Amino acid sequence: MSEYLVDPHTIKEYDLVELVDGRQGTVVYVPADPTLGFELDIGDSPATWDTIGIKPNQIKRIIEHA
């Protein structure tokens, strides 16, 4: 069984994803080796947006491909 719910190689910049903790965010950085992690913008508005680093195993599903 894979350690990932979503294959990290299928995640692209600006995809909308859901994390295992229920938060949603937009992928803003994908490294050359996506198994290393991603940067994600989370929040409901510019006032609450935050950029966080996540590991691939924190992604539950891709909601929408960019």
C-alpha atoms as a PDB file:
ATOM      1  CA  MET A   1       0.000   0.000   0.000  1.00  0.00           C
ATOM      2  CA  SER A   2       1.249   3.483  -0.873  1.00  0.00           C
ATOM      3  CA  GLU A   3       2.099   5.946   1.871  1.00  0.00           C
ATOM      4  CA  TYR A   4       0.231   8.634  -0.125  1.00  0.00           C
ATOM      5  CA  LEU A   5      -3.516   9.085  -0.630  1.00  0.00           C
ATOM      6  CA  VAL A   6      -2.720  10.993  -3.853  1.00  0.00           C
ATOM      7  CA  ASP A   7       0.253  10.303  -6.125  1.00  0.00           C
ATOM      8  CA  PRO A   8       2.493  13.379  -5.599  1.00  0.00           C
ATOM      9  CA  HIS A   9       3.519  13.280  -9.272  1.00  0.00           C
ATOM     10  CA  THR A  10      -0.063  14.111 -10.326  1.00  0.00           C
ATOM     11  CA  ILE A  11      -0.183  17.353  -8.308  1.00  0.00           C
ATOM     12  CA  LYS A  12       0.493  20.499 -10.323  1.00  0.00           C
ATOM     13  CA  GLU A  13       0.911  24.172  -9.507  1.00  0.00           C
ATOM     14  CA  TYR A  14      -2.437  25.917  -8.820  1.00  0.00           C
ATOM     15  CA  ASP A  15      -4.319  22.664  -8.156  1.00  0.00           C
ATOM     16  CA  LEU A  16      -6.922  22.978  -5.400  1.00  0.00           C
ATOM     17  CA  VAL A  17      -6.392  20.244  -2.809  1.00  0.00           C
ATOM     18  CA  GLU A  18      -7.957  19.047   0.429  1.00  0.00           C
ATOM     19  CA  LEU A  19      -5.681  18.147   3.308  1.00  0.00           C
ATOM     20  CA  VAL A  20      -6.263  15.233   5.669  1.00  0.00           C
ATOM     21  CA  ASP A  21      -7.145  17.755   8.419  1.00  0.00           C
ATOM     22  CA  GLY A  22      -9.998  19.150   6.279  1.00  0.00           C
ATOM     23  CA  ARG A  23      -8.375  22.418   5.184  1.00  0.00           C
ATOM     24  CA  GLN A  24      -8.325  23.335   1.509  1.00  0.00           C
ATOM     25  CA  GLY A  25      -5.610  25.189  -0.324  1.00  0.00           C
ATOM     26  CA  THR A  26      -4.028  26.048  -3.642  1.00  0.00           C
ATOM     27  CA  VAL A  27      -0.662  24.549  -4.544  1.00  0.00           C
ATOM     28  CA  VAL A  28       1.736  27.428  -5.210  1.00  0.00           C
ATOM     29  CA  TYR A  29       5.022  25.516  -5.443  1.00  0.00           C
ATOM     30  CA  VAL A  30       5.863  22.057  -6.743  1.00  0.00           C
ATOM     31  CA  PRO A  31       9.526  20.985  -6.444  1.00  0.00           C
ATOM     32  CA  ALA A  32      11.326  18.964  -9.119  1.00  0.00           C
ATOM     33  CA  ASP A  33      10.836  15.945  -6.835  1.00  0.00           C
ATOM     34  CA  PRO A  34       7.235  16.257  -5.583  1.00  0.00           C
ATOM     35  CA  THR A  35       7.786  13.541  -2.971  1.00  0.00           C
ATOM     36  CA  LEU A  36       9.709  16.182  -0.984  1.00  0.00           C
ATOM     37  CA  GLY A  37       6.642  18.356  -0.368  1.00  0.00           C
ATOM     38  CA  PHE A  38       4.704  21.371  -1.605  1.00  0.00           C
ATOM     39  CA  GLU A  39       3.845  24.937  -0.679  1.00  0.00           C
ATOM     40  CA  LEU A  40       0.172  25.697  -0.316  1.00  0.00           C
ATOM     41  CA  ASP A  41      -1.852  28.887   0.117  1.00  0.00           C
ATOM     42  CA  ILE A  42      -4.670  28.377   2.612  1.00  0.00           C
ATOM     43  CA  GLY A  43      -7.338  30.752   3.932  1.00  0.00           C
ATOM     44  CA  ASP A  44     -10.663  32.293   2.986  1.00  0.00           C
ATOM     45  CA  SER A  45      -9.596  35.783   1.902  1.00  0.00           C
ATOM     46  CA  PRO A  46      -6.464  37.881   1.434  1.00  0.00           C
ATOM     47  CA  ALA A  47      -6.714  38.848   5.103  1.00  0.00           C
ATOM     48  CA  THR A  48      -6.496  35.213   6.235  1.00  0.00           C
ATOM     49  CA  TRP A  49      -4.270  33.686   3.534  1.00  0.00           C
ATOM     50  CA  ASP A  50      -1.154  31.916   4.694  1.00  0.00           C
ATOM     51  CA  THR A  51       1.480  29.972   2.777  1.00  0.00           C
ATOM     52  CA  ILE A  52       2.424  26.696   4.432  1.00  0.00           C
ATOM     53  CA  GLY A  53       4.751  23.829   3.634  1.00  0.00           C
ATOM     54  CA  ILE A  54       3.175  20.383   3.512  1.00  0.00           C
ATOM     55  CA  LYS A  55       4.294  16.817   2.931  1.00  0.00           C
ATOM     56  CA  PRO A  56       2.645  14.741   0.189  1.00  0.00           C
ATOM     57  CA  ASN A  57       1.028  12.424   2.746  1.00  0.00           C
ATOM     58  CA  GLN A  58      -0.949  15.397   4.109  1.00  0.00           C
ATOM     59  CA  ILE A  59      -2.966  15.653   0.875  1.00  0.00           C
ATOM     60  CA  LYS A  60      -6.259  13.776   0.985  1.00  0.00           C
ATOM     61  CA  ARG A  61      -7.455  14.535  -2.546  1.00  0.00           C
ATOM     62  CA  ILE A  62      -7.227  16.874  -5.501  1.00  0.00           C
ATOM     63  CA  ILE A  63     -10.456  18.887  -5.637  1.00  0.00           C
ATOM     64  CA  GLU A  64      -9.724  20.570  -8.961  1.00  0.00           C
ATOM     65  CA  HIS A  65      -6.828  20.543 -11.415  1.00  0.00           C
ATOM     66  CA  ALA A  66      -5.670  23.953 -12.592  1.00  0.00           C
END
